[in-house]
């Protein structure tokens, strides 16, 4: 079981494991999303862009962030709903970049319902050089700890 609302404190920081972005990831995402923009899928054409090579989809990075966060296990069975995402794409993610996320608990608040609370998490997605490639906030509804005797 993951952590409950009461277990989180403003200022808490969690670092995910690393993951390398592969060509297979990008092509699978292109197929899933239908986004076959040559910037992501055409090696020859991408050489003529400002990046000089293909880059991963920005939304693939955002998707990977959610997976890396889930792998921490801290929201396992306690996350109720993702309420909001405010996201910035700062730098390109290249094929072969190894990325990880740092999740900061920025704010938390109780709700009118006693079984849940709201966490605002500031998240940074960093590459192998420590550069922030994406960042933003995600607001998550999380279960509160059940009262004694309740399951």
C-alpha atoms as a PDB file:
ATOM      1  CA  UNK A   1       0.000   0.000   0.000  1.00  0.00           C
ATOM      2  CA  UNK A   2       1.211   3.484  -0.836  1.00  0.00           C
ATOM      3  CA  UNK A   3       1.384   6.505   1.401  1.00  0.00           C
ATOM      4  CA  UNK A   4      -1.715   8.281   2.634  1.00  0.00           C
ATOM      5  CA  UNK A   5      -2.357  12.022   2.530  1.00  0.00           C
ATOM      6  CA  UNK A   6      -1.196  12.361   6.152  1.00  0.00           C
ATOM      7  CA  UNK A   7       2.147  10.714   5.338  1.00  0.00           C
ATOM      8  CA  UNK A   8       3.178  13.512   2.969  1.00  0.00           C
ATOM      9  CA  UNK A   9       4.702  16.793   4.126  1.00  0.00           C
ATOM     10  CA  UNK A  10       5.281  19.948   2.141  1.00  0.00           C
ATOM     11  CA  UNK A  11       8.921  19.832   1.108  1.00  0.00           C
ATOM     12  CA  UNK A  12       9.128  16.042   0.782  1.00  0.00           C
ATOM     13  CA  UNK A  13      11.227  14.994  -2.180  1.00  0.00           C
ATOM     14  CA  UNK A  14      11.233  11.698  -4.058  1.00  0.00           C
ATOM     15  CA  UNK A  15      13.665  10.707  -6.811  1.00  0.00           C
ATOM     16  CA  UNK A  16      12.689   8.051  -9.325  1.00  0.00           C
ATOM     17  CA  UNK A  17      14.873   5.486 -10.967  1.00  0.00           C
ATOM     18  CA  UNK A  18      16.470   6.285 -14.336  1.00  0.00           C
ATOM     19  CA  UNK A  19      15.290   5.155 -17.748  1.00  0.00           C
ATOM     20  CA  UNK A  20      16.823   5.470 -21.209  1.00  0.00           C
ATOM     21  CA  UNK A  21      14.584   6.768 -24.014  1.00  0.00           C
ATOM     22  CA  UNK A  22      14.918   4.408 -26.979  1.00  0.00           C
ATOM     23  CA  UNK A  23      13.981   4.526 -30.630  1.00  0.00           C
ATOM     24  CA  UNK A  24      11.502   1.758 -29.873  1.00  0.00           C
ATOM     25  CA  UNK A  25       9.839   3.945 -27.214  1.00  0.00           C
ATOM     26  CA  UNK A  26       9.436   6.787 -29.700  1.00  0.00           C
ATOM     27  CA  UNK A  27       8.107   4.604 -32.520  1.00  0.00           C
ATOM     28  CA  UNK A  28       5.689   2.830 -30.176  1.00  0.00           C
ATOM     29  CA  UNK A  29       4.449   6.197 -28.907  1.00  0.00           C
ATOM     30  CA  UNK A  30       4.058   7.454 -32.493  1.00  0.00           C
ATOM     31  CA  UNK A  31       1.918   4.414 -33.278  1.00  0.00           C
ATOM     32  CA  UNK A  32      -0.146   4.756 -30.120  1.00  0.00           C
ATOM     33  CA  UNK A  33      -0.726   8.497 -30.471  1.00  0.00           C
ATOM     34  CA  UNK A  34      -0.837   8.710 -34.260  1.00  0.00           C
ATOM     35  CA  UNK A  35       1.805  11.464 -34.125  1.00  0.00           C
ATOM     36  CA  UNK A  36       4.240  10.560 -36.895  1.00  0.00           C
ATOM     37  CA  UNK A  37       5.775  14.028 -37.133  1.00  0.00           C
ATOM     38  CA  UNK A  38       9.043  13.671 -39.093  1.00  0.00           C
ATOM     39  CA  UNK A  39      10.844  15.431 -36.235  1.00  0.00           C
ATOM     40  CA  UNK A  40      10.335  12.173 -34.307  1.00  0.00           C
ATOM     41  CA  UNK A  41      10.286   9.549 -37.065  1.00  0.00           C
ATOM     42  CA  UNK A  42      12.418  10.701 -40.041  1.00  0.00           C
ATOM     43  CA  UNK A  43      16.149  10.419 -39.297  1.00  0.00           C
ATOM     44  CA  UNK A  44      17.200  12.083 -42.551  1.00  0.00           C
ATOM     45  CA  UNK A  45      14.658  14.914 -42.387  1.00  0.00           C
ATOM     46  CA  UNK A  46      15.369  15.592 -38.708  1.00  0.00           C
ATOM     47  CA  UNK A  47      19.016  16.352 -39.538  1.00  0.00           C
ATOM     48  CA  UNK A  48      17.748  19.523 -41.246  1.00  0.00           C
ATOM     49  CA  UNK A  49      15.935  20.775 -38.126  1.00  0.00           C
ATOM     50  CA  UNK A  50      17.320  23.026 -35.415  1.00  0.00           C
ATOM     51  CA  UNK A  51      17.979  19.896 -33.330  1.00  0.00           C
ATOM     52  CA  UNK A  52      20.068  18.148 -35.998  1.00  0.00           C
ATOM     53  CA  UNK A  53      18.556  14.768 -35.176  1.00  0.00           C
ATOM     54  CA  UNK A  54      15.297  13.142 -34.164  1.00  0.00           C
ATOM     55  CA  UNK A  55      13.845  13.986 -30.781  1.00  0.00           C
ATOM     56  CA  UNK A  56      11.325  12.166 -28.599  1.00  0.00           C
ATOM     57  CA  UNK A  57       7.761  13.438 -28.374  1.00  0.00           C
ATOM     58  CA  UNK A  58       7.284  15.865 -25.495  1.00  0.00           C
ATOM     59  CA  UNK A  59       4.173  13.979 -24.458  1.00  0.00           C
ATOM     60  CA  UNK A  60       6.204  10.774 -24.333  1.00  0.00           C
ATOM     61  CA  UNK A  61       8.346  12.446 -21.670  1.00  0.00           C
ATOM     62  CA  UNK A  62       5.237  13.433 -19.738  1.00  0.00           C
ATOM     63  CA  UNK A  63       3.939   9.866 -20.004  1.00  0.00           C
ATOM     64  CA  UNK A  64       7.252   8.456 -18.799  1.00  0.00           C
ATOM     65  CA  UNK A  65       7.120  10.825 -15.800  1.00  0.00           C
ATOM     66  CA  UNK A  66       3.806   9.328 -14.719  1.00  0.00           C
ATOM     67  CA  UNK A  67       5.227   5.818 -15.036  1.00  0.00           C
ATOM     68  CA  UNK A  68       8.412   6.615 -13.140  1.00  0.00           C
ATOM     69  CA  UNK A  69       6.323   8.172 -10.364  1.00  0.00           C
ATOM     70  CA  UNK A  70       4.076   5.117 -10.217  1.00  0.00           C
ATOM     71  CA  UNK A  71       7.108   2.841  -9.909  1.00  0.00           C
ATOM     72  CA  UNK A  72       8.042   4.552  -6.639  1.00  0.00           C
ATOM     73  CA  UNK A  73       5.031   2.798  -5.084  1.00  0.00           C
ATOM     74  CA  UNK A  74       4.175   5.786  -2.894  1.00  0.00           C
ATOM     75  CA  UNK A  75       0.782   6.223  -4.570  1.00  0.00           C
ATOM     76  CA  UNK A  76       0.011   2.510  -4.953  1.00  0.00           C
ATOM     77  CA  UNK A  77      -3.596   2.004  -3.851  1.00  0.00           C
ATOM     78  CA  UNK A  78      -3.899   5.510  -2.423  1.00  0.00           C
ATOM     79  CA  UNK A  79      -4.040   7.722  -5.540  1.00  0.00           C
ATOM     80  CA  UNK A  80      -7.672   8.484  -6.343  1.00  0.00           C
ATOM     81  CA  UNK A  81      -7.546  10.889  -9.286  1.00  0.00           C
ATOM     82  CA  UNK A  82      -5.158  13.062 -11.265  1.00  0.00           C
ATOM     83  CA  UNK A  83      -6.860  16.470 -11.191  1.00  0.00           C
ATOM     84  CA  UNK A  84      -4.565  18.811 -13.079  1.00  0.00           C
ATOM     85  CA  UNK A  85      -1.331  19.018 -15.041  1.00  0.00           C
ATOM     86  CA  UNK A  86       0.520  22.260 -15.736  1.00  0.00           C
ATOM     87  CA  UNK A  87       3.556  21.311 -17.818  1.00  0.00           C
ATOM     88  CA  UNK A  88       6.500  23.021 -19.527  1.00  0.00           C
ATOM     89  CA  UNK A  89       8.728  21.516 -22.198  1.00  0.00           C
ATOM     90  CA  UNK A  90      12.155  23.098 -21.597  1.00  0.00           C
ATOM     91  CA  UNK A  91      14.636  21.124 -23.725  1.00  0.00           C
ATOM     92  CA  UNK A  92      14.420  18.304 -26.251  1.00  0.00           C
ATOM     93  CA  UNK A  93      14.748  14.674 -25.247  1.00  0.00           C
ATOM     94  CA  UNK A  94      17.009  12.847 -27.647  1.00  0.00           C
ATOM     95  CA  UNK A  95      17.047   9.159 -28.440  1.00  0.00           C
ATOM     96  CA  UNK A  96      19.451   7.610 -25.932  1.00  0.00           C
ATOM     97  CA  UNK A  97      18.901  10.203 -23.194  1.00  0.00           C
ATOM     98  CA  UNK A  98      18.682   8.673 -19.732  1.00  0.00           C
ATOM     99  CA  UNK A  99      16.053  10.480 -17.715  1.00  0.00           C
ATOM    100  CA  UNK A 100      14.673  10.478 -14.206  1.00  0.00           C
ATOM    101  CA  UNK A 101      12.192  12.570 -12.251  1.00  0.00           C
ATOM    102  CA  UNK A 102      12.346  14.437  -8.977  1.00  0.00           C
ATOM    103  CA  UNK A 103       8.981  14.900  -7.287  1.00  0.00           C
ATOM    104  CA  UNK A 104       8.569  17.631  -4.673  1.00  0.00           C
ATOM    105  CA  UNK A 105       5.467  17.955  -2.496  1.00  0.00           C
ATOM    106  CA  UNK A 106       4.760  21.641  -3.074  1.00  0.00           C
ATOM    107  CA  UNK A 107       1.465  21.955  -1.218  1.00  0.00           C
ATOM    108  CA  UNK A 108      -1.284  19.873   0.334  1.00  0.00           C
ATOM    109  CA  UNK A 109      -4.786  20.618   1.457  1.00  0.00           C
ATOM    110  CA  UNK A 110      -7.715  18.862   3.001  1.00  0.00           C
ATOM    111  CA  UNK A 111     -10.992  18.553   1.158  1.00  0.00           C
ATOM    112  CA  UNK A 112     -14.568  18.733   2.415  1.00  0.00           C
ATOM    113  CA  UNK A 113     -14.662  14.922   2.257  1.00  0.00           C
ATOM    114  CA  UNK A 114     -12.920  13.197   5.161  1.00  0.00           C
ATOM    115  CA  UNK A 115     -11.584  10.290   3.080  1.00  0.00           C
ATOM    116  CA  UNK A 116      -9.337  12.320   0.748  1.00  0.00           C
ATOM    117  CA  UNK A 117      -6.870  15.158   0.406  1.00  0.00           C
ATOM    118  CA  UNK A 118      -5.119  17.035  -2.394  1.00  0.00           C
ATOM    119  CA  UNK A 119      -1.377  17.023  -3.102  1.00  0.00           C
ATOM    120  CA  UNK A 120       0.263  19.498  -5.456  1.00  0.00           C
ATOM    121  CA  UNK A 121       3.508  18.022  -6.711  1.00  0.00           C
ATOM    122  CA  UNK A 122       6.206  19.962  -8.532  1.00  0.00           C
ATOM    123  CA  UNK A 123       8.014  17.595 -10.846  1.00  0.00           C
ATOM    124  CA  UNK A 124      11.246  17.950 -12.780  1.00  0.00           C
ATOM    125  CA  UNK A 125      12.296  15.553 -15.539  1.00  0.00           C
ATOM    126  CA  UNK A 126      16.078  15.597 -15.871  1.00  0.00           C
ATOM    127  CA  UNK A 127      18.443  14.081 -18.408  1.00  0.00           C
ATOM    128  CA  UNK A 128      21.766  12.353 -17.782  1.00  0.00           C
ATOM    129  CA  UNK A 129      23.533  15.734 -17.606  1.00  0.00           C
ATOM    130  CA  UNK A 130      21.212  17.010 -14.884  1.00  0.00           C
ATOM    131  CA  UNK A 131      19.458  19.409 -17.281  1.00  0.00           C
ATOM    132  CA  UNK A 132      15.729  19.900 -16.716  1.00  0.00           C
ATOM    133  CA  UNK A 133      14.040  18.862 -19.955  1.00  0.00           C
ATOM    134  CA  UNK A 134      10.471  19.134 -18.661  1.00  0.00           C
ATOM    135  CA  UNK A 135       8.876  20.444 -15.490  1.00  0.00           C
ATOM    136  CA  UNK A 136       5.563  21.357 -14.033  1.00  0.00           C
ATOM    137  CA  UNK A 137       2.965  20.567 -11.441  1.00  0.00           C
ATOM    138  CA  UNK A 138       0.506  17.727 -11.082  1.00  0.00           C
ATOM    139  CA  UNK A 139      -2.382  17.865  -8.664  1.00  0.00           C
ATOM    140  CA  UNK A 140      -3.382  14.515  -7.226  1.00  0.00           C
ATOM    141  CA  UNK A 141      -6.285  13.424  -5.035  1.00  0.00           C
ATOM    142  CA  UNK A 142      -5.037  10.931  -2.437  1.00  0.00           C
ATOM    143  CA  UNK A 143      -6.790   8.777   0.144  1.00  0.00           C
ATOM    144  CA  UNK A 144      -6.608   9.802   3.779  1.00  0.00           C
ATOM    145  CA  UNK A 145      -5.678   7.228   6.369  1.00  0.00           C
ATOM    146  CA  UNK A 146      -8.769   5.279   7.496  1.00  0.00           C
ATOM    147  CA  UNK A 147      -9.848   5.827  11.071  1.00  0.00           C
ATOM    148  CA  UNK A 148      -8.960   3.041  13.512  1.00  0.00           C
ATOM    149  CA  UNK A 149     -11.235   0.079  12.997  1.00  0.00           C
ATOM    150  CA  UNK A 150     -12.075   1.011   9.388  1.00  0.00           C
ATOM    151  CA  UNK A 151     -10.559  -0.752   6.407  1.00  0.00           C
END
